[in-house]
Amino acid sequence: MAASGVAVSRGAYEGLHLNSASAGTDSQAGSSRDYQPGSTLPIGAGNHARTDGPASDRSTGPLLSVRNLSIAFGGVNALTDVNLDVWPGECVGLIGPNGAGKTTLLNCISRLLVPSTGSILIEGVECTRVPTARIVSLGVKRTFQNIATFQEMRVAEVLAVGAHHETRSTFLDAVLGTPIASRESLRVRAMVEESAAALGISELLGHVVRDLPYGNQKKG
């Protein structure tokens, strides 16, 4: 795994996880800063957020850099000139009332929405120019407030879906059972077991998702 920074909205229910592609070791989030409208990060007001957490790593630049980000819906400005930096090792919280633009900001960063103006840099890469389907290759992972998983699949299969961007074999490789497909199947299985152990759901890998209680479905 790599150094990470996290931007979250609505407590722990909805969020965005950033993995550094260049770092080689884990960096646990060491600082937590709450931003409320009218203080450090008034969403839509154009202020620049402080990023002075004691455990942040400033040697390689920010993982995430948002500059002058704006987006409007039907003439209503949801975000106006938002600026934000998230550094390796930081955990950044966005707190505000309904309609402040928290989810809209996360949707822009994860490419579910296209901002009207501004830039979003992930380790120096302008992600607004990256196809949405490839945003995960930059280390961006999104969680949602509601459960959005495959109810008819087993837990192990759901976790394996999340690893598809790590594989290099093709559909034809899978059909023909080529050596690369076999090797990657074993690698994905190891990744699934590692993820399940980290989430504390190893004993549930063979269970169908719809049969699990809400809390365990949320973990998947």
Foldseek 3Di string as FASTA:
>chain_A
DAFWEWEAEPPPQKTKIFGAPPGDDYAAQQDEDEDEQPPQFQFQPQHEHDDPGPRFDPPQHFQKWWFQFWAADPPHTLGGGGTYTTGGNHYYYYDYDPSSNRVVVVCCQLVVDQTPDTFMAGSHDGCSPPPNVCSVVRRMDIGHNDQDFDQQDFQLVRQLVVCVVVADDDPVCVVVVPPSVVVVVVVSSVVSCVLCVVLVNNVRRGPRLNPDDPVVSSSD
